[in-house]
Amino acid sequence: MSTATANGELGRVTGFYSSVVGKKMVMAVTGFILFGFIVVHMVANLQVFLPVNANGVPPLDAYAEHLRALPPLLWGTRVVLLAAVILHILAAVQLWWLNKFEARKQGYVKWEPVASNYASRTMVWSGPIIFFYVIYHLLDFTFGVVNPGYQPGHVFRNVVASFQHPVVAGFYIVANICLAFHLYHGIWSMCQTVGLSHPRYTPWLKHASAVFAIVIGVGFCSVPIAVLAGLVR
């Protein structure tokens, strides 16, 4: 590919992203990637409820060991997720800025949240909460900096050690409730961005978004709740 062609392609990509539609599309694509990871991560976490295998190893530890045995998959996934998170946050902040300071310089005489819902109106603070939650989650279970009983490779034990503390468990529960609200609006917005919007099946998409969000929220919250209740130890 010649330099001129490469510059032309880069110019088209830059021009597309500079538009509101381009930013929304980036948010939709990266949101889809992150949603897929969240589903897989939730299913993996639910392994804490399974009994130990024949070798006496908790399934969650065995799962983590399988991932560590596949460095290309593990690190490839991390790179893709990191890129998706950066692009998702960048597009979200730029859209918020445009909506707050550019498109609505006149302001409202009387603000009426007619076309929005509680989940969409809380995106501005649920997003940052989720961001700091992810940072704490990494410090807790990946690096072990804030986990009092952290032992490398012993994921099940680390989970129990962390969630035995009510404050930590409570923070995770609140953060995952925020995640559920964020997903509800995010999934619905993603469907609209890619053109999946029609009066005939719009109500079904809204219901599906709510169901997905509730399942994710309940799935993640069930782990710290079970540890606090002594069901997982």
Foldseek 3Di string as FASTA:
>chain_A
DDPVVVVVVVVVLVVLCVDLLNLLQLLLVLVVLVLVVLVVVLVLLLQLLPAADPVRARPSLVVVVVLVVPVCVNVVSVVSNVVSVVSNVVSVVVNVCCVPPNPAVVHDPDDDCPPDDPLVVCLVPLVVLLVVVVVVVCCQQVVNVPQPDDDPSRRSVSLLSQLLDPVSLVSQLVNLLSVLSNQLVSQLSSCVSVPVDDPVCSVVSSVVSNVSSVVSSCSRSVSSVCSNVVVRD
